[in-house]
C-alpha atoms as a PDB file:
ATOM      1  CA  UNK A   1     -20.987 -39.838  22.922  1.00  0.00           C
ATOM      2  CA  UNK A   2     -23.679 -37.327  21.702  1.00  0.00           C
ATOM      3  CA  UNK A   3     -23.450 -35.837  17.997  1.00  0.00           C
ATOM      4  CA  UNK A   4     -23.275 -32.764  19.339  1.00  0.00           C
ATOM      5  CA  UNK A   5     -20.252 -33.552  21.449  1.00  0.00           C
ATOM      6  CA  UNK A   6     -18.665 -35.008  18.626  1.00  0.00           C
ATOM      7  CA  UNK A   7     -19.005 -32.183  16.302  1.00  0.00           C
ATOM      8  CA  UNK A   8     -17.433 -30.027  19.473  1.00  0.00           C
ATOM      9  CA  UNK A   9     -14.376 -32.043  19.125  1.00  0.00           C
ATOM     10  CA  UNK A  10     -14.009 -31.899  15.546  1.00  0.00           C
ATOM     11  CA  UNK A  11     -14.132 -27.956  15.788  1.00  0.00           C
ATOM     12  CA  UNK A  12     -11.515 -27.496  18.606  1.00  0.00           C
ATOM     13  CA  UNK A  13      -9.390 -29.845  16.615  1.00  0.00           C
ATOM     14  CA  UNK A  14      -9.714 -27.877  13.720  1.00  0.00           C
ATOM     15  CA  UNK A  15      -8.880 -24.823  15.177  1.00  0.00           C
ATOM     16  CA  UNK A  16      -4.977 -24.967  15.857  1.00  0.00           C
ATOM     17  CA  UNK A  17      -4.964 -26.321  12.618  1.00  0.00           C
ATOM     18  CA  UNK A  18      -6.552 -22.918  11.021  1.00  0.00           C
ATOM     19  CA  UNK A  19      -4.488 -20.878  13.029  1.00  0.00           C
ATOM     20  CA  UNK A  20      -1.009 -23.070  11.912  1.00  0.00           C
ATOM     21  CA  UNK A  21      -2.303 -22.843   8.275  1.00  0.00           C
ATOM     22  CA  UNK A  22      -2.519 -18.883   8.917  1.00  0.00           C
ATOM     23  CA  UNK A  23       0.486 -18.544  10.320  1.00  0.00           C
ATOM     24  CA  UNK A  24       2.437 -20.537   7.468  1.00  0.00           C
ATOM     25  CA  UNK A  25       0.858 -18.397   5.094  1.00  0.00           C
ATOM     26  CA  UNK A  26       1.802 -15.365   6.800  1.00  0.00           C
ATOM     27  CA  UNK A  27       5.261 -16.300   7.041  1.00  0.00           C
ATOM     28  CA  UNK A  28       5.379 -17.050   3.066  1.00  0.00           C
ATOM     29  CA  UNK A  29       3.825 -13.743   2.262  1.00  0.00           C
ATOM     30  CA  UNK A  30       6.680 -12.314   3.998  1.00  0.00           C
ATOM     31  CA  UNK A  31       9.376 -14.053   2.858  1.00  0.00           C
ATOM     32  CA  UNK A  32       7.776 -13.677  -0.838  1.00  0.00           C
ATOM     33  CA  UNK A  33       7.626  -9.676  -0.294  1.00  0.00           C
ATOM     34  CA  UNK A  34      11.354  -9.706   1.055  1.00  0.00           C
ATOM     35  CA  UNK A  35      12.258 -12.422  -2.168  1.00  0.00           C
ATOM     36  CA  UNK A  36      10.770  -9.808  -4.687  1.00  0.00           C
ATOM     37  CA  UNK A  37      12.286  -6.555  -2.751  1.00  0.00           C
ATOM     38  CA  UNK A  38      15.419  -8.275  -3.042  1.00  0.00           C
ATOM     39  CA  UNK A  39      15.126  -9.470  -6.610  1.00  0.00           C
ATOM     40  CA  UNK A  40      13.914  -5.323  -7.584  1.00  0.00           C
ATOM     41  CA  UNK A  41      17.309  -4.174  -6.018  1.00  0.00           C
ATOM     42  CA  UNK A  42      19.620  -6.674  -7.954  1.00  0.00           C
ATOM     43  CA  UNK A  43      17.846  -5.991 -11.086  1.00  0.00           C
ATOM     44  CA  UNK A  44      19.020  -2.445 -10.473  1.00  0.00           C
ATOM     45  CA  UNK A  45      22.271  -3.316  -9.937  1.00  0.00           C
ATOM     46  CA  UNK A  46      22.598  -6.543 -12.537  1.00  0.00           C
ATOM     47  CA  UNK A  47      25.382  -4.953 -14.542  1.00  0.00           C
ATOM     48  CA  UNK A  48      27.854  -4.344 -11.795  1.00  0.00           C
ATOM     49  CA  UNK A  49      26.774  -8.046 -10.280  1.00  0.00           C
ATOM     50  CA  UNK A  50      27.716  -9.048 -14.028  1.00  0.00           C
ATOM     51  CA  UNK A  51      31.019  -7.460 -14.259  1.00  0.00           C
ATOM     52  CA  UNK A  52      31.983  -8.763 -11.237  1.00  0.00           C
ATOM     53  CA  UNK A  53      31.229 -12.530 -12.339  1.00  0.00           C
ATOM     54  CA  UNK A  54      32.842 -12.154 -15.203  1.00  0.00           C
ATOM     55  CA  UNK A  55      36.172 -11.465 -13.202  1.00  0.00           C
ATOM     56  CA  UNK A  56      37.285 -15.032 -13.865  1.00  0.00           C
ATOM     57  CA  UNK A  57      36.968 -15.099 -17.877  1.00  0.00           C
ATOM     58  CA  UNK A  58      37.973 -11.802 -18.157  1.00  0.00           C
ATOM     59  CA  UNK A  59      41.381 -12.579 -16.072  1.00  0.00           C
ATOM     60  CA  UNK A  60      41.760 -15.615 -18.058  1.00  0.00           C
ATOM     61  CA  UNK A  61      41.716 -13.673 -21.274  1.00  0.00           C
ATOM     62  CA  UNK A  62      43.924 -11.184 -20.581  1.00  0.00           C
ATOM     63  CA  UNK A  63      46.607 -13.385 -19.244  1.00  0.00           C
ATOM     64  CA  UNK A  64      46.936 -14.304 -22.705  1.00  0.00           C
ATOM     65  CA  UNK A  65      46.670 -10.852 -24.349  1.00  0.00           C
ATOM     66  CA  UNK A  66      43.070 -11.115 -25.441  1.00  0.00           C
ATOM     67  CA  UNK A  67      40.463  -8.633 -24.844  1.00  0.00           C
ATOM     68  CA  UNK A  68      37.496  -9.559 -22.469  1.00  0.00           C
ATOM     69  CA  UNK A  69      34.438  -9.464 -24.815  1.00  0.00           C
ATOM     70  CA  UNK A  70      31.076 -11.224 -24.482  1.00  0.00           C
ATOM     71  CA  UNK A  71      28.324 -11.626 -27.433  1.00  0.00           C
ATOM     72  CA  UNK A  72      24.860 -11.048 -27.225  1.00  0.00           C
ATOM     73  CA  UNK A  73      23.303 -14.301 -29.626  1.00  0.00           C
ATOM     74  CA  UNK A  74      19.650 -13.606 -29.085  1.00  0.00           C
ATOM     75  CA  UNK A  75      18.656 -10.366 -28.967  1.00  0.00           C
ATOM     76  CA  UNK A  76      16.179 -10.953 -25.715  1.00  0.00           C
ATOM     77  CA  UNK A  77      19.423 -12.506 -24.008  1.00  0.00           C
ATOM     78  CA  UNK A  78      20.827  -9.517 -21.978  1.00  0.00           C
ATOM     79  CA  UNK A  79      17.165  -8.947 -20.433  1.00  0.00           C
ATOM     80  CA  UNK A  80      17.322 -13.032 -19.363  1.00  0.00           C
ATOM     81  CA  UNK A  81      20.806 -12.455 -17.891  1.00  0.00           C
ATOM     82  CA  UNK A  82      19.532  -9.730 -16.241  1.00  0.00           C
ATOM     83  CA  UNK A  83      16.270 -11.602 -14.649  1.00  0.00           C
ATOM     84  CA  UNK A  84      18.592 -14.650 -13.998  1.00  0.00           C
ATOM     85  CA  UNK A  85      20.937 -12.597 -11.764  1.00  0.00           C
ATOM     86  CA  UNK A  86      18.072 -10.427 -10.484  1.00  0.00           C
ATOM     87  CA  UNK A  87      16.417 -14.154  -9.272  1.00  0.00           C
ATOM     88  CA  UNK A  88      19.478 -15.374  -7.836  1.00  0.00           C
ATOM     89  CA  UNK A  89      20.425 -12.334  -6.116  1.00  0.00           C
ATOM     90  CA  UNK A  90      17.154 -11.520  -5.021  1.00  0.00           C
ATOM     91  CA  UNK A  91      16.853 -15.188  -3.051  1.00  0.00           C
ATOM     92  CA  UNK A  92      20.714 -14.672  -1.312  1.00  0.00           C
ATOM     93  CA  UNK A  93      19.529 -10.928  -0.289  1.00  0.00           C
ATOM     94  CA  UNK A  94      16.046 -12.651   1.224  1.00  0.00           C
ATOM     95  CA  UNK A  95      17.759 -15.729   2.395  1.00  0.00           C
ATOM     96  CA  UNK A  96      17.999 -14.330   6.165  1.00  0.00           C
ATOM     97  CA  UNK A  97      14.559 -13.044   6.212  1.00  0.00           C
ATOM     98  CA  UNK A  98      13.572 -16.590   4.819  1.00  0.00           C
ATOM     99  CA  UNK A  99      15.420 -18.567   7.442  1.00  0.00           C
ATOM    100  CA  UNK A 100      13.952 -16.488  10.194  1.00  0.00           C
ATOM    101  CA  UNK A 101      10.355 -16.681   9.113  1.00  0.00           C
ATOM    102  CA  UNK A 102      10.798 -20.632   8.939  1.00  0.00           C
ATOM    103  CA  UNK A 103      12.417 -20.506  12.196  1.00  0.00           C
ATOM    104  CA  UNK A 104       9.679 -18.474  13.688  1.00  0.00           C
ATOM    105  CA  UNK A 105       7.264 -21.074  12.408  1.00  0.00           C
ATOM    106  CA  UNK A 106       9.039 -24.149  13.444  1.00  0.00           C
ATOM    107  CA  UNK A 107      10.685 -23.127  16.600  1.00  0.00           C
ATOM    108  CA  UNK A 108       7.178 -22.719  18.880  1.00  0.00           C
ATOM    109  CA  UNK A 109       6.508 -26.770  18.428  1.00  0.00           C
ATOM    110  CA  UNK A 110      10.064 -27.320  19.296  1.00  0.00           C
ATOM    111  CA  UNK A 111      11.468 -28.296  22.788  1.00  0.00           C
ATOM    112  CA  UNK A 112      14.335 -26.088  24.299  1.00  0.00           C
ATOM    113  CA  UNK A 113      16.864 -28.871  23.448  1.00  0.00           C
ATOM    114  CA  UNK A 114      15.558 -29.553  19.758  1.00  0.00           C
ATOM    115  CA  UNK A 115      16.067 -25.641  19.557  1.00  0.00           C
ATOM    116  CA  UNK A 116      19.548 -25.758  20.489  1.00  0.00           C
ATOM    117  CA  UNK A 117      20.183 -28.776  18.089  1.00  0.00           C
ATOM    118  CA  UNK A 118      18.556 -27.587  15.192  1.00  0.00           C
ATOM    119  CA  UNK A 119      19.740 -23.797  15.386  1.00  0.00           C
ATOM    120  CA  UNK A 120      23.531 -24.104  14.742  1.00  0.00           C
ATOM    121  CA  UNK A 121      22.543 -26.292  11.247  1.00  0.00           C
ATOM    122  CA  UNK A 122      20.542 -23.352  10.725  1.00  0.00           C
ATOM    123  CA  UNK A 123      23.262 -21.061  10.433  1.00  0.00           C
ATOM    124  CA  UNK A 124      25.930 -23.441   9.385  1.00  0.00           C
ATOM    125  CA  UNK A 125      24.409 -24.335   5.903  1.00  0.00           C
ATOM    126  CA  UNK A 126      24.300 -21.001   4.586  1.00  0.00           C
ATOM    127  CA  UNK A 127      27.849 -20.335   5.750  1.00  0.00           C
ATOM    128  CA  UNK A 128      29.434 -23.757   4.257  1.00  0.00           C
ATOM    129  CA  UNK A 129      27.360 -22.784   1.203  1.00  0.00           C
ATOM    130  CA  UNK A 130      28.858 -19.484   0.877  1.00  0.00           C
ATOM    131  CA  UNK A 131      32.341 -20.855   1.666  1.00  0.00           C
ATOM    132  CA  UNK A 132      31.900 -23.873  -1.432  1.00  0.00           C
ATOM    133  CA  UNK A 133      30.798 -20.845  -3.858  1.00  0.00           C
ATOM    134  CA  UNK A 134      34.008 -18.761  -2.821  1.00  0.00           C
ATOM    135  CA  UNK A 135      35.931 -21.650  -3.466  1.00  0.00           C
ATOM    136  CA  UNK A 136      34.717 -22.349  -6.973  1.00  0.00           C
ATOM    137  CA  UNK A 137      34.721 -18.668  -7.855  1.00  0.00           C
ATOM    138  CA  UNK A 138      38.403 -17.790  -6.568  1.00  0.00           C
ATOM    139  CA  UNK A 139      40.071 -21.378  -7.236  1.00  0.00           C
ATOM    140  CA  UNK A 140      38.175 -23.678  -9.644  1.00  0.00           C
ATOM    141  CA  UNK A 141      36.576 -21.258 -12.183  1.00  0.00           C
ATOM    142  CA  UNK A 142      40.270 -19.577 -12.945  1.00  0.00           C
ATOM    143  CA  UNK A 143      41.825 -23.120 -13.534  1.00  0.00           C
ATOM    144  CA  UNK A 144      38.753 -24.326 -15.230  1.00  0.00           C
ATOM    145  CA  UNK A 145      38.845 -21.378 -18.004  1.00  0.00           C
ATOM    146  CA  UNK A 146      42.398 -21.409 -18.586  1.00  0.00           C
ATOM    147  CA  UNK A 147      41.752 -24.682 -19.583  1.00  0.00           C
ATOM    148  CA  UNK A 148      38.890 -24.268 -22.013  1.00  0.00           C
ATOM    149  CA  UNK A 149      41.037 -21.414 -23.416  1.00  0.00           C
ATOM    150  CA  UNK A 150      43.514 -23.999 -23.998  1.00  0.00           C
ATOM    151  CA  UNK A 151      41.531 -25.158 -27.384  1.00  0.00           C
ATOM    152  CA  UNK A 152      41.868 -21.796 -29.260  1.00  0.00           C
ATOM    153  CA  UNK A 153      43.906 -21.827 -32.198  1.00  0.00           C
ATOM    154  CA  UNK A 154      45.914 -19.388 -33.862  1.00  0.00           C
ATOM    155  CA  UNK A 155      45.799 -18.802 -37.231  1.00  0.00           C
ATOM    156  CA  UNK A 156      49.380 -19.911 -38.876  1.00  0.00           C
ATOM    157  CA  UNK A 157      50.631 -17.293 -41.115  1.00  0.00           C
ATOM    158  CA  UNK A 158      53.336 -17.361 -43.523  1.00  0.00           C
ATOM    159  CA  UNK A 159      56.782 -16.009 -42.121  1.00  0.00           C
ATOM    160  CA  UNK A 160      57.838 -14.329 -45.095  1.00  0.00           C
ATOM    161  CA  UNK A 161      54.823 -12.701 -46.393  1.00  0.00           C
ATOM    162  CA  UNK A 162      52.459 -12.874 -43.069  1.00  0.00           C
ATOM    163  CA  UNK A 163      49.692 -14.176 -45.023  1.00  0.00           C
ATOM    164  CA  UNK A 164      47.425 -16.704 -43.865  1.00  0.00           C
ATOM    165  CA  UNK A 165      48.301 -20.560 -44.851  1.00  0.00           C
ATOM    166  CA  UNK A 166      45.718 -22.059 -46.854  1.00  0.00           C
ATOM    167  CA  UNK A 167      43.829 -25.000 -44.942  1.00  0.00           C
ATOM    168  CA  UNK A 168      44.439 -23.085 -41.749  1.00  0.00           C
ATOM    169  CA  UNK A 169      41.645 -21.793 -39.483  1.00  0.00           C
ATOM    170  CA  UNK A 170      42.221 -19.659 -36.277  1.00  0.00           C
ATOM    171  CA  UNK A 171      39.959 -20.681 -33.439  1.00  0.00           C
ATOM    172  CA  UNK A 172      39.058 -17.765 -31.119  1.00  0.00           C
ATOM    173  CA  UNK A 173      36.855 -17.409 -27.985  1.00  0.00           C
ATOM    174  CA  UNK A 174      33.521 -15.441 -28.684  1.00  0.00           C
ATOM    175  CA  UNK A 175      31.370 -16.228 -25.530  1.00  0.00           C
ATOM    176  CA  UNK A 176      27.682 -15.726 -25.116  1.00  0.00           C
ATOM    177  CA  UNK A 177      26.761 -13.700 -22.415  1.00  0.00           C
ATOM    178  CA  UNK A 178      23.810 -16.343 -21.320  1.00  0.00           C
ATOM    179  CA  UNK A 179      26.168 -19.382 -21.698  1.00  0.00           C
ATOM    180  CA  UNK A 180      28.791 -18.024 -19.581  1.00  0.00           C
ATOM    181  CA  UNK A 181      26.224 -16.768 -16.931  1.00  0.00           C
ATOM    182  CA  UNK A 182      24.947 -20.313 -16.680  1.00  0.00           C
ATOM    183  CA  UNK A 183      28.267 -21.659 -16.542  1.00  0.00           C
ATOM    184  CA  UNK A 184      29.459 -19.902 -13.615  1.00  0.00           C
ATOM    185  CA  UNK A 185      26.229 -20.242 -11.364  1.00  0.00           C
ATOM    186  CA  UNK A 186      26.363 -24.035 -12.330  1.00  0.00           C
ATOM    187  CA  UNK A 187      29.901 -24.245 -10.916  1.00  0.00           C
ATOM    188  CA  UNK A 188      29.031 -22.203  -8.176  1.00  0.00           C
ATOM    189  CA  UNK A 189      25.632 -23.640  -7.225  1.00  0.00           C
ATOM    190  CA  UNK A 190      27.292 -27.462  -7.732  1.00  0.00           C
ATOM    191  CA  UNK A 191      30.389 -26.164  -4.994  1.00  0.00           C
ATOM    192  CA  UNK A 192      28.082 -24.851  -2.594  1.00  0.00           C
ATOM    193  CA  UNK A 193      25.728 -27.521  -2.269  1.00  0.00           C
ATOM    194  CA  UNK A 194      28.882 -29.973  -2.048  1.00  0.00           C
ATOM    195  CA  UNK A 195      29.780 -28.072   0.773  1.00  0.00           C
ATOM    196  CA  UNK A 196      26.834 -28.963   2.169  1.00  0.00           C
ATOM    197  CA  UNK A 197      28.209 -32.466   3.272  1.00  0.00           C
ATOM    198  CA  UNK A 198      29.369 -32.080   6.680  1.00  0.00           C
ATOM    199  CA  UNK A 199      26.126 -30.090   7.605  1.00  0.00           C
ATOM    200  CA  UNK A 200      23.446 -32.850   6.325  1.00  0.00           C
ATOM    201  CA  UNK A 201      25.799 -35.517   7.653  1.00  0.00           C
ATOM    202  CA  UNK A 202      26.059 -34.347  11.136  1.00  0.00           C
ATOM    203  CA  UNK A 203      22.154 -33.748  11.265  1.00  0.00           C
ATOM    204  CA  UNK A 204      22.123 -37.288  10.456  1.00  0.00           C
ATOM    205  CA  UNK A 205      24.197 -38.342  12.978  1.00  0.00           C
ATOM    206  CA  UNK A 206      22.576 -36.352  15.661  1.00  0.00           C
ATOM    207  CA  UNK A 207      18.902 -37.805  14.550  1.00  0.00           C
ATOM    208  CA  UNK A 208      20.877 -40.854  15.164  1.00  0.00           C
ATOM    209  CA  UNK A 209      20.241 -42.077  11.376  1.00  0.00           C
ATOM    210  CA  UNK A 210      24.039 -42.728  10.920  1.00  0.00           C
ATOM    211  CA  UNK A 211      26.969 -43.560  12.856  1.00  0.00           C
ATOM    212  CA  UNK A 212      30.738 -42.509  12.521  1.00  0.00           C
ATOM    213  CA  UNK A 213      31.218 -46.264  12.580  1.00  0.00           C
ATOM    214  CA  UNK A 214      29.144 -46.718   9.339  1.00  0.00           C
ATOM    215  CA  UNK A 215      30.431 -43.787   7.831  1.00  0.00           C
ATOM    216  CA  UNK A 216      34.214 -44.704   8.621  1.00  0.00           C
ATOM    217  CA  UNK A 217      33.988 -47.926   7.343  1.00  0.00           C
ATOM    218  CA  UNK A 218      32.450 -46.609   3.991  1.00  0.00           C
ATOM    219  CA  UNK A 219      35.190 -44.362   2.990  1.00  0.00           C
ATOM    220  CA  UNK A 220      36.285 -46.609  -0.259  1.00  0.00           C
ATOM    221  CA  UNK A 221      32.747 -45.908  -1.644  1.00  0.00           C
ATOM    222  CA  UNK A 222      32.795 -42.067  -0.438  1.00  0.00           C
ATOM    223  CA  UNK A 223      36.047 -41.574  -2.435  1.00  0.00           C
ATOM    224  CA  UNK A 224      34.788 -43.397  -5.629  1.00  0.00           C
ATOM    225  CA  UNK A 225      31.568 -41.449  -5.044  1.00  0.00           C
ATOM    226  CA  UNK A 226      33.373 -37.820  -4.739  1.00  0.00           C
ATOM    227  CA  UNK A 227      35.507 -38.639  -7.593  1.00  0.00           C
ATOM    228  CA  UNK A 228      32.724 -39.614 -10.101  1.00  0.00           C
ATOM    229  CA  UNK A 229      31.049 -36.391  -8.762  1.00  0.00           C
ATOM    230  CA  UNK A 230      33.815 -34.306  -9.412  1.00  0.00           C
ATOM    231  CA  UNK A 231      34.083 -35.823 -12.995  1.00  0.00           C
ATOM    232  CA  UNK A 232      30.811 -34.905 -13.725  1.00  0.00           C
ATOM    233  CA  UNK A 233      30.735 -31.173 -12.057  1.00  0.00           C
ATOM    234  CA  UNK A 234      34.478 -29.877 -13.648  1.00  0.00           C
ATOM    235  CA  UNK A 235      36.468 -30.020 -16.759  1.00  0.00           C
ATOM    236  CA  UNK A 236      37.613 -33.368 -17.807  1.00  0.00           C
ATOM    237  CA  UNK A 237      41.285 -32.386 -16.425  1.00  0.00           C
ATOM    238  CA  UNK A 238      42.705 -34.497 -13.365  1.00  0.00           C
ATOM    239  CA  UNK A 239      43.754 -31.057 -11.564  1.00  0.00           C
ATOM    240  CA  UNK A 240      40.245 -29.620 -11.113  1.00  0.00           C
ATOM    241  CA  UNK A 241      38.763 -33.074 -10.417  1.00  0.00           C
ATOM    242  CA  UNK A 242      42.057 -33.383  -7.500  1.00  0.00           C
ATOM    243  CA  UNK A 243      40.868 -29.967  -6.154  1.00  0.00           C
ATOM    244  CA  UNK A 244      37.530 -30.812  -5.766  1.00  0.00           C
ATOM    245  CA  UNK A 245      38.226 -34.289  -4.343  1.00  0.00           C
ATOM    246  CA  UNK A 246      40.726 -32.717  -2.140  1.00  0.00           C
ATOM    247  CA  UNK A 247      38.250 -29.981  -0.874  1.00  0.00           C
ATOM    248  CA  UNK A 248      35.284 -32.421  -0.383  1.00  0.00           C
ATOM    249  CA  UNK A 249      36.957 -35.691   0.846  1.00  0.00           C
ATOM    250  CA  UNK A 250      38.052 -33.726   4.148  1.00  0.00           C
ATOM    251  CA  UNK A 251      34.563 -32.411   4.716  1.00  0.00           C
ATOM    252  CA  UNK A 252      33.423 -36.612   4.823  1.00  0.00           C
ATOM    253  CA  UNK A 253      36.209 -36.685   7.690  1.00  0.00           C
ATOM    254  CA  UNK A 254      35.148 -33.751   9.513  1.00  0.00           C
ATOM    255  CA  UNK A 255      31.888 -34.942   9.352  1.00  0.00           C
ATOM    256  CA  UNK A 256      32.988 -38.318  10.750  1.00  0.00           C
ATOM    257  CA  UNK A 257      34.615 -36.366  13.335  1.00  0.00           C
ATOM    258  CA  UNK A 258      32.093 -34.153  14.394  1.00  0.00           C
ATOM    259  CA  UNK A 259      29.294 -37.580  14.586  1.00  0.00           C
ATOM    260  CA  UNK A 260      31.977 -39.180  16.672  1.00  0.00           C
ATOM    261  CA  UNK A 261      31.922 -35.822  19.304  1.00  0.00           C
ATOM    262  CA  UNK A 262      27.990 -36.266  19.211  1.00  0.00           C
ATOM    263  CA  UNK A 263      27.833 -39.718  20.291  1.00  0.00           C
ATOM    264  CA  UNK A 264      30.509 -39.670  22.896  1.00  0.00           C
ATOM    265  CA  UNK A 265      28.406 -36.684  24.587  1.00  0.00           C
ATOM    266  CA  UNK A 266      25.312 -38.408  24.118  1.00  0.00           C
ATOM    267  CA  UNK A 267      26.978 -41.716  25.474  1.00  0.00           C
ATOM    268  CA  UNK A 268      28.135 -39.457  28.515  1.00  0.00           C
ATOM    269  CA  UNK A 269      24.871 -37.967  29.448  1.00  0.00           C
ATOM    270  CA  UNK A 270      23.160 -41.552  29.115  1.00  0.00           C
ATOM    271  CA  UNK A 271      25.847 -42.815  31.509  1.00  0.00           C
ATOM    272  CA  UNK A 272      25.563 -40.240  33.792  1.00  0.00           C
ATOM    273  CA  UNK A 273      21.414 -41.135  33.580  1.00  0.00           C
ATOM    274  CA  UNK A 274      21.848 -44.820  34.178  1.00  0.00           C
ATOM    275  CA  UNK A 275      20.522 -45.506  30.705  1.00  0.00           C
ATOM    276  CA  UNK A 276      23.695 -46.479  29.047  1.00  0.00           C
ATOM    277  CA  UNK A 277      24.416 -50.457  28.297  1.00  0.00           C
ATOM    278  CA  UNK A 278      27.242 -51.349  26.430  1.00  0.00           C
ATOM    279  CA  UNK A 279      26.814 -53.562  23.327  1.00  0.00           C
ATOM    280  CA  UNK A 280      29.222 -56.206  24.965  1.00  0.00           C
ATOM    281  CA  UNK A 281      26.920 -56.493  27.919  1.00  0.00           C
ATOM    282  CA  UNK A 282      23.886 -56.925  26.026  1.00  0.00           C
ATOM    283  CA  UNK A 283      25.733 -59.789  24.169  1.00  0.00           C
ATOM    284  CA  UNK A 284      26.156 -61.453  27.469  1.00  0.00           C
ATOM    285  CA  UNK A 285      23.359 -61.237  28.910  1.00  0.00           C
ATOM    286  CA  UNK A 286      21.705 -62.751  25.550  1.00  0.00           C
ATOM    287  CA  UNK A 287      24.028 -65.857  26.039  1.00  0.00           C
ATOM    288  CA  UNK A 288      23.165 -66.193  29.638  1.00  0.00           C
ATOM    289  CA  UNK A 289      20.004 -66.461  28.870  1.00  0.00           C
ATOM    290  CA  UNK A 290      20.153 -69.132  26.131  1.00  0.00           C
END
């Protein structure tokens, strides 16, 4: 082969690569535009969003007869809270566009059966994240905040003079706006990620990286791991940890059930094509050969 032919082959192989890079750049640009637009929208309405996020702590304080109020410890704290809300809200609003652009870039390189296998997971992932976030916001956070507020201490007063008793101090919650937002979003993100468990395990089972039998044999380790995660992401009380465990462990069992169904469908298809061989038959053949 002449040097000229080699040069032509290199140019032909480089052309598709350049086209893919241009396509990737365009998809990234569209995603960034959607993110910036979503971020600007959320920045304009960051105050109502923060009011919504502060409902759990306000309900907990109101239930104790206290007024709901957060303070600005630093001068620039309010601005950074608005930026953080707009950043997270912008990503949430832009996620459908980002997922669509990612799908449009990946889909042409997939076979029809691969598209049918990947698309449900792409749709299930945000749905499970929203479910986990809602579980954290409406169930876990009220329990956590009530637990933390139990450490307040009322000032002890004299029954006759109603004056404070010497040597006692009143401890009242005066939360920082930024710290409260950080705590709340950490809870929401942690539970949203935990609820990705069935999506991740089922996808791995679809790719034949794990089996239902293997997951079933690891149940005792899964229980310990889930309890360990619960101890890290929830307040140090047994009730919150049991709530997280009772929410995540069933997802582990659901993953085993879904993977088992996938394996049965795969086995039925291979049997119909005459390509399935039982493990017992393979072991018997190996014994005869010996």
